[in-house]
Amino acid sequence: MSQDRIAAHLHNSLAAMTAAANDQTLLSASRAIAAASIKALRDGRKILIAGNGGSAADAQHIAAEIIGRYKQDRPAWPAIALTTDTSALTAIANDYGFERVFARQVEGLGQRGDVFIGITTSGRSPNILAALEIARARGLVTIGMTGPAGASMAALCDHLLIAPGAETALVQQIHLMAAHAICDEIECALGATKA
């Protein structure tokens, strides 16, 4: 029985990935996100990324691919996951409320021309929406990564990637797959740049 459930999950994942690979809107958004990130990094700007739960792990994973490396040995580029500083997270949550934990960091760290990527599978996470609002007000390029229910985020995003998944786990898998493709585009464009 458990093998059937595992096989079913893998088949569902494959179907979601295939749908994503054929989704022209998702592909176009991924290319635009890569281009915006490449421009920001070329201009000496940085990428800030945030999410909750599994999306927090994705934010950290993406930041690590950018500041460390994806496939190529090359100079480090500035990327910060806003989910990792427990002192800042707990102080801001305590003093301003959990909905401000990312907005306050964007306010302190973000500068015009930087990129902010907010990841929320539902499209309704108050702390991601608040951070997108601050990022937009400060002149950052605003990027959202969400699922089918998050289309309303478009009002806050310069670029919005909507993963075609019926379940949170499938949306997260597509986000990470797309993020890896974006990291590959960034490295191909900037990998030969000298430090």
N, C-alpha and C. Protein backbone atom coordinates (compact mmCIF):
# COMPACT_ATOMS: atom_id res chain seq x y z
N MET A 1 0.83 -1.20 0.00
CA MET A 1 0.00 0.00 0.00
C MET A 1 0.87 1.26 0.00
N SER A 2 1.90 1.32 0.89
CA SER A 2 2.72 2.51 0.96
C SER A 2 3.50 2.72 -0.35
N GLN A 3 3.91 1.62 -1.00
CA GLN A 3 4.60 1.76 -2.28
C GLN A 3 3.68 2.39 -3.32
N ASP A 4 2.39 2.02 -3.29
CA ASP A 4 1.43 2.61 -4.22
C ASP A 4 1.32 4.12 -3.98
N ARG A 5 1.30 4.55 -2.70
CA ARG A 5 1.21 5.97 -2.38
C ARG A 5 2.47 6.70 -2.83
N ILE A 6 3.61 6.07 -2.64
CA ILE A 6 4.87 6.69 -3.06
C ILE A 6 4.90 6.81 -4.58
N ALA A 7 4.53 5.75 -5.28
CA ALA A 7 4.50 5.80 -6.74
C ALA A 7 3.51 6.85 -7.22
N ALA A 8 2.36 6.93 -6.56
CA ALA A 8 1.35 7.93 -6.94
C ALA A 8 1.90 9.34 -6.77
N HIS A 9 2.62 9.56 -5.67
CA HIS A 9 3.21 10.89 -5.44
C HIS A 9 4.22 11.22 -6.54
N LEU A 10 5.07 10.27 -6.86
CA LEU A 10 6.07 10.51 -7.90
C LEU A 10 5.41 10.76 -9.26
N HIS A 11 4.35 10.04 -9.57
CA HIS A 11 3.63 10.28 -10.82
C HIS A 11 2.98 11.66 -10.82
N ASN A 12 2.40 12.06 -9.68
CA ASN A 12 1.82 13.40 -9.57
C ASN A 12 2.89 14.48 -9.72
N SER A 13 4.04 14.24 -9.13
CA SER A 13 5.15 15.19 -9.26
C SER A 13 5.60 15.32 -10.71
N LEU A 14 5.72 14.18 -11.39
CA LEU A 14 6.12 14.19 -12.79
C LEU A 14 5.10 14.95 -13.64
N ALA A 15 3.82 14.74 -13.37
CA ALA A 15 2.77 15.44 -14.13
C ALA A 15 2.85 16.94 -13.88
N ALA A 16 3.10 17.33 -12.63
CA ALA A 16 3.21 18.76 -12.30
C ALA A 16 4.44 19.37 -12.97
N MET A 17 5.55 18.66 -12.96
CA MET A 17 6.77 19.16 -13.60
C MET A 17 6.57 19.28 -15.12
N THR A 18 5.90 18.30 -15.71
CA THR A 18 5.63 18.35 -17.14
C THR A 18 4.73 19.53 -17.47
N ALA A 19 3.71 19.76 -16.64
CA ALA A 19 2.83 20.91 -16.84
C ALA A 19 3.63 22.20 -16.75
N ALA A 20 4.53 22.28 -15.77
CA ALA A 20 5.36 23.48 -15.62
C ALA A 20 6.26 23.69 -16.82
N ALA A 21 6.86 22.63 -17.31
CA ALA A 21 7.77 22.73 -18.45
C ALA A 21 7.07 23.18 -19.72
N ASN A 22 5.75 22.98 -19.78
CA ASN A 22 4.96 23.37 -20.96
C ASN A 22 4.14 24.64 -20.73
N ASP A 23 4.28 25.24 -19.55
CA ASP A 23 3.51 26.43 -19.19
C ASP A 23 4.26 27.68 -19.68
N GLN A 24 3.81 28.24 -20.78
CA GLN A 24 4.53 29.37 -21.39
C GLN A 24 4.56 30.59 -20.48
N THR A 25 3.53 30.80 -19.68
CA THR A 25 3.52 31.93 -18.75
C THR A 25 4.59 31.74 -17.68
N LEU A 26 4.70 30.53 -17.15
CA LEU A 26 5.74 30.23 -16.15
C LEU A 26 7.12 30.37 -16.76
N LEU A 27 7.31 29.87 -17.98
CA LEU A 27 8.62 29.98 -18.62
C LEU A 27 8.99 31.44 -18.87
N SER A 28 8.02 32.22 -19.31
CA SER A 28 8.27 33.65 -19.55
C SER A 28 8.62 34.36 -18.25
N ALA A 29 7.89 34.06 -17.17
CA ALA A 29 8.19 34.66 -15.87
C ALA A 29 9.57 34.26 -15.39
N SER A 30 9.95 33.00 -15.58
CA SER A 30 11.27 32.53 -15.16
C SER A 30 12.37 33.27 -15.90
N ARG A 31 12.18 33.46 -17.21
CA ARG A 31 13.18 34.21 -18.00
C ARG A 31 13.27 35.65 -17.52
N ALA A 32 12.14 36.26 -17.21
CA ALA A 32 12.13 37.66 -16.74
C ALA A 32 12.80 37.77 -15.37
N ILE A 33 12.58 36.80 -14.50
CA ILE A 33 13.22 36.79 -13.18
C ILE A 33 14.72 36.63 -13.34
N ALA A 34 15.14 35.74 -14.21
CA ALA A 34 16.58 35.57 -14.46
C ALA A 34 17.18 36.86 -14.99
N ALA A 35 16.52 37.50 -15.95
CA ALA A 35 17.04 38.74 -16.54
C ALA A 35 17.13 39.85 -15.48
N ALA A 36 16.11 39.97 -14.64
CA ALA A 36 16.13 41.00 -13.60
C ALA A 36 17.26 40.73 -12.59
N SER A 37 17.46 39.47 -12.25
CA SER A 37 18.53 39.10 -11.31
C SER A 37 19.90 39.36 -11.92
N ILE A 38 20.07 39.01 -13.19
CA ILE A 38 21.34 39.25 -13.89
C ILE A 38 21.65 40.74 -13.92
N LYS A 39 20.66 41.56 -14.26
CA LYS A 39 20.87 43.01 -14.30
C LYS A 39 21.26 43.54 -12.93
N ALA A 40 20.54 43.12 -11.90
CA ALA A 40 20.84 43.60 -10.55
C ALA A 40 22.27 43.22 -10.14
N LEU A 41 22.65 41.98 -10.37
CA LEU A 41 23.99 41.54 -9.98
C LEU A 41 25.07 42.24 -10.81
N ARG A 42 24.82 42.43 -12.09
CA ARG A 42 25.77 43.19 -12.94
C ARG A 42 25.95 44.61 -12.43
N ASP A 43 24.86 45.19 -11.92
CA ASP A 43 24.89 46.57 -11.43
C ASP A 43 25.41 46.68 -9.99
N GLY A 44 25.87 45.56 -9.44
CA GLY A 44 26.41 45.58 -8.07
C GLY A 44 25.33 45.57 -6.99
N ARG A 45 24.13 45.17 -7.35
CA ARG A 45 23.03 45.11 -6.38
C ARG A 45 22.95 43.71 -5.79
N LYS A 46 22.00 43.49 -4.91
CA LYS A 46 21.87 42.20 -4.23
C LYS A 46 20.47 41.63 -4.37
N ILE A 47 20.35 40.36 -4.01
CA ILE A 47 19.06 39.66 -4.06
C ILE A 47 18.68 39.27 -2.64
N LEU A 48 17.49 39.68 -2.23
CA LEU A 48 16.92 39.33 -0.93
C LEU A 48 15.78 38.35 -1.18
N ILE A 49 15.69 37.31 -0.35
CA ILE A 49 14.70 36.25 -0.58
C ILE A 49 14.05 35.88 0.75
N ALA A 50 12.72 35.65 0.73
CA ALA A 50 12.03 35.26 1.96
C ALA A 50 10.87 34.32 1.65
N GLY A 51 10.55 33.50 2.64
CA GLY A 51 9.40 32.61 2.57
C GLY A 51 9.17 32.01 3.95
N ASN A 52 8.09 31.30 4.12
CA ASN A 52 7.74 30.66 5.39
C ASN A 52 7.77 29.13 5.24
N GLY A 53 8.16 28.43 6.29
CA GLY A 53 8.13 26.97 6.26
C GLY A 53 9.01 26.40 5.17
N GLY A 54 8.42 25.55 4.31
CA GLY A 54 9.17 24.98 3.20
C GLY A 54 9.69 26.05 2.27
N SER A 55 8.95 27.14 2.13
CA SER A 55 9.40 28.25 1.28
C SER A 55 10.57 28.99 1.91
N ALA A 56 10.68 28.96 3.24
CA ALA A 56 11.87 29.52 3.90
C ALA A 56 13.09 28.69 3.54
N ALA A 57 12.91 27.37 3.55
CA ALA A 57 14.02 26.49 3.14
C ALA A 57 14.40 26.75 1.68
N ASP A 58 13.39 26.97 0.83
CA ASP A 58 13.68 27.29 -0.57
C ASP A 58 14.43 28.62 -0.69
N ALA A 59 14.03 29.62 0.11
CA ALA A 59 14.72 30.92 0.08
C ALA A 59 16.20 30.73 0.43
N GLN A 60 16.48 29.93 1.45
CA GLN A 60 17.85 29.68 1.85
C GLN A 60 18.61 28.91 0.78
N HIS A 61 17.95 27.94 0.17
CA HIS A 61 18.56 27.13 -0.88
C HIS A 61 18.95 28.01 -2.07
N ILE A 62 18.02 28.87 -2.49
CA ILE A 62 18.29 29.75 -3.64
C ILE A 62 19.43 30.72 -3.32
N ALA A 63 19.39 31.32 -2.13
CA ALA A 63 20.46 32.25 -1.74
C ALA A 63 21.81 31.55 -1.74
N ALA A 64 21.84 30.30 -1.27
CA ALA A 64 23.09 29.55 -1.24
C ALA A 64 23.62 29.28 -2.64
N GLU A 65 22.72 29.01 -3.58
CA GLU A 65 23.15 28.77 -4.97
C GLU A 65 23.77 30.02 -5.57
N ILE A 66 23.26 31.20 -5.18
CA ILE A 66 23.74 32.46 -5.75
C ILE A 66 25.03 32.93 -5.08
N ILE A 67 25.07 32.91 -3.76
CA ILE A 67 26.27 33.40 -3.08
C ILE A 67 27.40 32.37 -3.10
N GLY A 68 27.03 31.11 -3.11
CA GLY A 68 28.03 30.04 -3.20
C GLY A 68 28.33 29.73 -4.65
N ARG A 69 27.63 28.73 -5.16
CA ARG A 69 27.69 28.42 -6.58
C ARG A 69 26.57 27.46 -6.90
N TYR A 70 26.18 27.46 -8.15
CA TYR A 70 25.21 26.48 -8.63
C TYR A 70 25.98 25.34 -9.29
N LYS A 71 26.56 25.59 -10.45
CA LYS A 71 27.37 24.57 -11.13
C LYS A 71 28.80 25.02 -11.38
N GLN A 72 29.00 26.32 -11.52
CA GLN A 72 30.31 26.84 -11.93
C GLN A 72 31.09 27.43 -10.76
N ASP A 73 32.41 27.26 -10.78
CA ASP A 73 33.27 28.02 -9.89
C ASP A 73 33.35 29.42 -10.47
N ARG A 74 32.97 30.40 -9.69
CA ARG A 74 32.93 31.79 -10.17
C ARG A 74 32.87 32.70 -8.94
N PRO A 75 32.95 34.01 -9.15
CA PRO A 75 32.88 34.92 -8.01
C PRO A 75 31.55 34.78 -7.27
N ALA A 76 31.56 35.08 -6.00
CA ALA A 76 30.33 35.08 -5.20
C ALA A 76 29.50 36.30 -5.55
N TRP A 77 28.17 36.13 -5.56
CA TRP A 77 27.26 37.25 -5.78
C TRP A 77 26.40 37.42 -4.54
N PRO A 78 26.02 38.66 -4.21
CA PRO A 78 25.30 38.91 -2.96
C PRO A 78 23.85 38.46 -3.00
N ALA A 79 23.53 37.52 -2.14
CA ALA A 79 22.16 37.03 -1.96
C ALA A 79 21.96 36.72 -0.48
N ILE A 80 20.84 37.16 0.06
CA ILE A 80 20.56 36.99 1.48
C ILE A 80 19.18 36.40 1.66
N ALA A 81 19.09 35.27 2.37
CA ALA A 81 17.79 34.74 2.78
C ALA A 81 17.40 35.44 4.07
N LEU A 82 16.28 36.12 4.07
CA LEU A 82 15.84 36.88 5.25
C LEU A 82 15.23 35.98 6.32
N THR A 83 15.40 34.69 6.17
CA THR A 83 14.82 33.71 7.09
C THR A 83 15.84 33.15 8.08
N THR A 84 17.08 33.61 8.01
CA THR A 84 18.15 32.91 8.73
C THR A 84 18.62 33.58 10.01
N ASP A 85 18.35 34.85 10.20
CA ASP A 85 18.85 35.57 11.38
C ASP A 85 17.81 35.48 12.49
N THR A 86 17.99 34.49 13.37
CA THR A 86 16.98 34.24 14.40
C THR A 86 16.83 35.41 15.37
N SER A 87 17.91 36.13 15.64
CA SER A 87 17.79 37.28 16.54
C SER A 87 16.94 38.38 15.90
N ALA A 88 17.18 38.66 14.62
CA ALA A 88 16.37 39.66 13.93
C ALA A 88 14.92 39.19 13.82
N LEU A 89 14.71 37.95 13.43
CA LEU A 89 13.35 37.44 13.27
C LEU A 89 12.56 37.52 14.57
N THR A 90 13.17 37.10 15.67
CA THR A 90 12.43 37.08 16.93
C THR A 90 12.26 38.49 17.51
N ALA A 91 13.26 39.35 17.34
CA ALA A 91 13.14 40.73 17.84
C ALA A 91 12.06 41.47 17.07
N ILE A 92 12.08 41.34 15.74
CA ILE A 92 11.08 42.05 14.92
C ILE A 92 9.69 41.49 15.20
N ALA A 93 9.56 40.18 15.27
CA ALA A 93 8.26 39.58 15.57
C ALA A 93 7.75 40.03 16.93
N ASN A 94 8.64 40.09 17.90
CA ASN A 94 8.25 40.51 19.25
C ASN A 94 7.84 41.97 19.29
N ASP A 95 8.61 42.82 18.61
CA ASP A 95 8.37 44.28 18.69
C ASP A 95 7.34 44.79 17.70
N TYR A 96 7.24 44.16 16.53
CA TYR A 96 6.37 44.69 15.46
C TYR A 96 5.30 43.71 14.99
N GLY A 97 5.41 42.45 15.37
CA GLY A 97 4.47 41.43 14.92
C GLY A 97 5.09 40.59 13.81
N PHE A 98 4.65 39.35 13.73
CA PHE A 98 5.23 38.41 12.76
C PHE A 98 5.03 38.86 11.33
N GLU A 99 3.96 39.61 11.07
CA GLU A 99 3.72 40.06 9.70
C GLU A 99 4.76 41.07 9.22
N ARG A 100 5.61 41.58 10.12
CA ARG A 100 6.62 42.57 9.73
C ARG A 100 8.04 41.98 9.67
N VAL A 101 8.21 40.66 9.91
CA VAL A 101 9.57 40.11 10.04
C VAL A 101 10.41 40.27 8.77
N PHE A 102 9.80 40.24 7.61
CA PHE A 102 10.56 40.41 6.38
C PHE A 102 10.55 41.86 5.90
N ALA A 103 9.43 42.55 6.09
CA ALA A 103 9.33 43.95 5.66
C ALA A 103 10.37 44.80 6.37
N ARG A 104 10.56 44.57 7.65
CA ARG A 104 11.53 45.36 8.41
C ARG A 104 12.95 45.11 7.89
N GLN A 105 13.26 43.86 7.54
CA GLN A 105 14.58 43.56 7.00
C GLN A 105 14.77 44.16 5.61
N VAL A 106 13.72 44.12 4.78
CA VAL A 106 13.81 44.76 3.47
C VAL A 106 14.03 46.27 3.65
N GLU A 107 13.33 46.85 4.62
CA GLU A 107 13.50 48.28 4.89
C GLU A 107 14.94 48.61 5.28
N GLY A 108 15.56 47.74 6.08
CA GLY A 108 16.92 47.99 6.54
C GLY A 108 18.01 47.60 5.55
N LEU A 109 17.78 46.58 4.77
CA LEU A 109 18.82 46.04 3.88
C LEU A 109 18.62 46.38 2.41
N GLY A 110 17.38 46.59 2.01
CA GLY A 110 17.08 46.77 0.60
C GLY A 110 17.38 48.17 0.10
N GLN A 111 17.91 48.23 -1.11
CA GLN A 111 18.20 49.51 -1.76
C GLN A 111 17.65 49.47 -3.17
N ARG A 112 17.38 50.66 -3.71
CA ARG A 112 16.87 50.77 -5.08
C ARG A 112 17.75 49.95 -6.03
N GLY A 113 17.10 49.15 -6.86
CA GLY A 113 17.83 48.32 -7.83
C GLY A 113 18.11 46.91 -7.35
N ASP A 114 17.98 46.66 -6.03
CA ASP A 114 18.07 45.29 -5.51
C ASP A 114 16.85 44.51 -5.99
N VAL A 115 16.90 43.20 -5.79
CA VAL A 115 15.78 42.32 -6.11
C VAL A 115 15.25 41.73 -4.81
N PHE A 116 13.93 41.73 -4.65
CA PHE A 116 13.32 40.99 -3.53
C PHE A 116 12.44 39.90 -4.11
N ILE A 117 12.69 38.66 -3.67
CA ILE A 117 11.88 37.51 -4.08
C ILE A 117 11.09 37.04 -2.87
N GLY A 118 9.77 37.12 -2.96
CA GLY A 118 8.88 36.63 -1.91
C GLY A 118 8.21 35.35 -2.36
N ILE A 119 8.37 34.29 -1.57
CA ILE A 119 7.84 32.98 -1.91
C ILE A 119 6.69 32.64 -0.98
N THR A 120 5.51 32.43 -1.53
CA THR A 120 4.35 32.01 -0.74
C THR A 120 3.46 31.15 -1.62
N THR A 121 3.31 29.89 -1.28
CA THR A 121 2.54 28.98 -2.13
C THR A 121 1.08 29.40 -2.21
N SER A 122 0.55 29.99 -1.15
CA SER A 122 -0.85 30.41 -1.13
C SER A 122 -1.06 31.78 -1.75
N GLY A 123 -0.01 32.59 -1.76
CA GLY A 123 -0.14 33.97 -2.21
C GLY A 123 -0.77 34.88 -1.17
N ARG A 124 -0.97 34.37 0.03
CA ARG A 124 -1.67 35.14 1.06
C ARG A 124 -0.85 35.36 2.33
N SER A 125 0.41 35.02 2.35
CA SER A 125 1.21 35.18 3.57
C SER A 125 1.39 36.66 3.89
N PRO A 126 0.82 37.14 5.01
CA PRO A 126 0.88 38.57 5.32
C PRO A 126 2.31 39.12 5.37
N ASN A 127 3.25 38.32 5.89
CA ASN A 127 4.62 38.84 6.00
C ASN A 127 5.30 38.96 4.64
N ILE A 128 4.95 38.11 3.69
CA ILE A 128 5.51 38.23 2.34
C ILE A 128 4.87 39.42 1.62
N LEU A 129 3.57 39.56 1.73
CA LEU A 129 2.88 40.68 1.09
C LEU A 129 3.38 42.02 1.63
N ALA A 130 3.60 42.10 2.95
CA ALA A 130 4.12 43.34 3.55
C ALA A 130 5.52 43.64 3.04
N ALA A 131 6.34 42.60 2.90
CA ALA A 131 7.71 42.80 2.40
C ALA A 131 7.68 43.26 0.94
N LEU A 132 6.78 42.70 0.14
CA LEU A 132 6.66 43.14 -1.25
C LEU A 132 6.25 44.61 -1.32
N GLU A 133 5.34 45.03 -0.44
CA GLU A 133 4.91 46.43 -0.42
C GLU A 133 6.09 47.36 -0.11
N ILE A 134 6.87 47.02 0.91
CA ILE A 134 8.04 47.84 1.28
C ILE A 134 9.07 47.83 0.16
N ALA A 135 9.30 46.65 -0.41
CA ALA A 135 10.28 46.54 -1.50
C ALA A 135 9.88 47.43 -2.67
N ARG A 136 8.62 47.39 -3.02
CA ARG A 136 8.14 48.21 -4.14
C ARG A 136 8.31 49.69 -3.80
N ALA A 137 7.97 50.09 -2.59
CA ALA A 137 8.09 51.50 -2.18
C ALA A 137 9.54 51.97 -2.20
N ARG A 138 10.48 51.06 -1.93
CA ARG A 138 11.90 51.42 -1.87
C ARG A 138 12.60 51.29 -3.23
N GLY A 139 11.89 50.89 -4.26
CA GLY A 139 12.49 50.81 -5.59
C GLY A 139 13.21 49.53 -5.90
N LEU A 140 12.91 48.46 -5.14
CA LEU A 140 13.48 47.16 -5.47
C LEU A 140 12.66 46.52 -6.58
N VAL A 141 13.26 45.63 -7.34
CA VAL A 141 12.52 44.81 -8.29
C VAL A 141 11.79 43.77 -7.45
N THR A 142 10.47 43.69 -7.59
CA THR A 142 9.69 42.78 -6.77
C THR A 142 9.29 41.54 -7.56
N ILE A 143 9.59 40.40 -6.98
CA ILE A 143 9.33 39.10 -7.62
C ILE A 143 8.54 38.24 -6.65
N GLY A 144 7.49 37.62 -7.14
CA GLY A 144 6.72 36.68 -6.35
C GLY A 144 6.79 35.29 -6.95
N MET A 145 6.81 34.31 -6.08
CA MET A 145 6.71 32.90 -6.50
C MET A 145 5.55 32.32 -5.70
N THR A 146 4.54 31.80 -6.39
CA THR A 146 3.33 31.35 -5.71
C THR A 146 2.72 30.17 -6.44
N GLY A 147 1.52 29.78 -5.99
CA GLY A 147 0.76 28.73 -6.63
C GLY A 147 -0.47 29.32 -7.31
N PRO A 148 -1.37 28.46 -7.79
CA PRO A 148 -2.53 28.93 -8.55
C PRO A 148 -3.42 29.91 -7.79
N ALA A 149 -3.44 29.84 -6.47
CA ALA A 149 -4.30 30.73 -5.68
C ALA A 149 -3.68 32.10 -5.47
N GLY A 150 -2.43 32.30 -5.91
CA GLY A 150 -1.72 33.54 -5.60
C GLY A 150 -1.69 34.59 -6.68
N ALA A 151 -2.56 34.47 -7.68
CA ALA A 151 -2.52 35.42 -8.81
C ALA A 151 -2.71 36.86 -8.39
N SER A 152 -3.40 37.10 -7.27
CA SER A 152 -3.63 38.48 -6.82
C SER A 152 -2.34 39.17 -6.39
N MET A 153 -1.26 38.40 -6.18
CA MET A 153 0.03 39.00 -5.84
C MET A 153 0.58 39.86 -6.97
N ALA A 154 0.05 39.68 -8.16
CA ALA A 154 0.56 40.40 -9.33
C ALA A 154 0.58 41.91 -9.10
N ALA A 155 -0.34 42.42 -8.31
CA ALA A 155 -0.41 43.86 -8.05
C ALA A 155 0.83 44.37 -7.32
N LEU A 156 1.55 43.48 -6.64
CA LEU A 156 2.74 43.88 -5.88
C LEU A 156 4.04 43.45 -6.55
N CYS A 157 3.95 42.75 -7.67
CA CYS A 157 5.13 42.12 -8.26
C CYS A 157 5.43 42.66 -9.66
N ASP A 158 6.71 42.94 -9.90
CA ASP A 158 7.15 43.23 -11.26
C ASP A 158 7.12 41.95 -12.09
N HIS A 159 7.41 40.83 -11.45
CA HIS A 159 7.40 39.53 -12.12
C HIS A 159 6.79 38.52 -11.16
N LEU A 160 5.85 37.72 -11.65
CA LEU A 160 5.17 36.73 -10.81
C LEU A 160 5.22 35.36 -11.47
N LEU A 161 5.80 34.40 -10.76
CA LEU A 161 5.86 33.02 -11.22
C LEU A 161 4.78 32.24 -10.49
N ILE A 162 3.83 31.70 -11.24
CA ILE A 162 2.74 30.91 -10.67
C ILE A 162 2.95 29.46 -11.05
N ALA A 163 3.21 28.62 -10.05
CA ALA A 163 3.44 27.19 -10.30
C ALA A 163 2.09 26.47 -10.44
N PRO A 164 1.94 25.65 -11.48
CA PRO A 164 0.68 24.95 -11.71
C PRO A 164 0.60 23.65 -10.92
N GLY A 165 0.41 23.76 -9.61
CA GLY A 165 0.34 22.56 -8.79
C GLY A 165 -0.91 22.57 -7.94
N ALA A 166 -1.54 21.40 -7.78
CA ALA A 166 -2.77 21.30 -7.00
C ALA A 166 -2.49 21.20 -5.50
N GLU A 167 -1.26 20.89 -5.12
CA GLU A 167 -0.90 20.73 -3.71
C GLU A 167 0.31 21.60 -3.39
N THR A 168 0.40 22.00 -2.12
CA THR A 168 1.52 22.82 -1.67
C THR A 168 2.85 22.18 -2.02
N ALA A 169 2.99 20.88 -1.76
CA ALA A 169 4.27 20.20 -2.02
C ALA A 169 4.64 20.27 -3.49
N LEU A 170 3.68 20.13 -4.38
CA LEU A 170 3.96 20.19 -5.81
C LEU A 170 4.36 21.60 -6.23
N VAL A 171 3.68 22.61 -5.66
CA VAL A 171 4.04 24.00 -5.94
C VAL A 171 5.48 24.26 -5.51
N GLN A 172 5.84 23.78 -4.31
CA GLN A 172 7.21 23.97 -3.81
C GLN A 172 8.23 23.27 -4.70
N GLN A 173 7.91 22.08 -5.18
CA GLN A 173 8.83 21.38 -6.08
C GLN A 173 9.05 22.17 -7.36
N ILE A 174 7.99 22.73 -7.90
CA ILE A 174 8.11 23.52 -9.13
C ILE A 174 8.91 24.79 -8.86
N HIS A 175 8.67 25.42 -7.71
CA HIS A 175 9.45 26.62 -7.37
C HIS A 175 10.94 26.32 -7.37
N LEU A 176 11.32 25.22 -6.74
CA LEU A 176 12.74 24.90 -6.66
C LEU A 176 13.30 24.52 -8.03
N MET A 177 12.53 23.80 -8.82
CA MET A 177 12.97 23.45 -10.17
C MET A 177 13.18 24.73 -10.99
N ALA A 178 12.22 25.64 -10.93
CA ALA A 178 12.35 26.91 -11.67
C ALA A 178 13.52 27.72 -11.14
N ALA A 179 13.70 27.73 -9.82
CA ALA A 179 14.81 28.49 -9.22
C ALA A 179 16.15 27.95 -9.70
N HIS A 180 16.28 26.64 -9.81
CA HIS A 180 17.52 26.06 -10.33
C HIS A 180 17.76 26.49 -11.77
N ALA A 181 16.70 26.50 -12.58
CA ALA A 181 16.83 26.94 -13.97
C ALA A 181 17.25 28.41 -14.03
N ILE A 182 16.70 29.23 -13.13
CA ILE A 182 17.06 30.65 -13.06
C ILE A 182 18.52 30.80 -12.65
N CYS A 183 18.94 30.03 -11.66
CA CYS A 183 20.35 30.07 -11.23
C CYS A 183 21.28 29.67 -12.38
N ASP A 184 20.87 28.71 -13.17
CA ASP A 184 21.67 28.29 -14.32
C ASP A 184 21.79 29.43 -15.33
N GLU A 185 20.68 30.13 -15.59
CA GLU A 185 20.71 31.29 -16.49
C GLU A 185 21.65 32.36 -15.96
N ILE A 186 21.58 32.62 -14.65
CA ILE A 186 22.44 33.65 -14.04
C ILE A 186 23.90 33.27 -14.22
N GLU A 187 24.24 32.02 -13.91
CA GLU A 187 25.64 31.59 -14.04
C GLU A 187 26.11 31.63 -15.48
N CYS A 188 25.27 31.26 -16.41
CA CYS A 188 25.68 31.29 -17.82
C CYS A 188 25.94 32.73 -18.27
N ALA A 189 25.17 33.67 -17.74
CA ALA A 189 25.33 35.07 -18.12
C ALA A 189 26.49 35.73 -17.41
N LEU A 190 26.71 35.38 -16.15
CA LEU A 190 27.68 36.10 -15.33
C LEU A 190 28.87 35.26 -14.89
N GLY A 191 28.87 33.99 -15.19
CA GLY A 191 29.87 33.08 -14.64
C GLY A 191 31.29 33.45 -14.95
N ALA A 192 31.53 34.08 -16.09
CA ALA A 192 32.90 34.43 -16.47
C ALA A 192 33.35 35.78 -15.90
N THR A 193 32.42 36.47 -15.22
CA THR A 193 32.74 37.78 -14.65
C THR A 193 33.82 37.63 -13.58
N LYS A 194 34.83 38.46 -13.61
CA LYS A 194 35.91 38.40 -12.62
C LYS A 194 35.48 39.12 -11.35
N ALA A 195 35.99 38.64 -10.23
CA ALA A 195 35.67 39.24 -8.94
C ALA A 195 36.35 40.59 -8.81
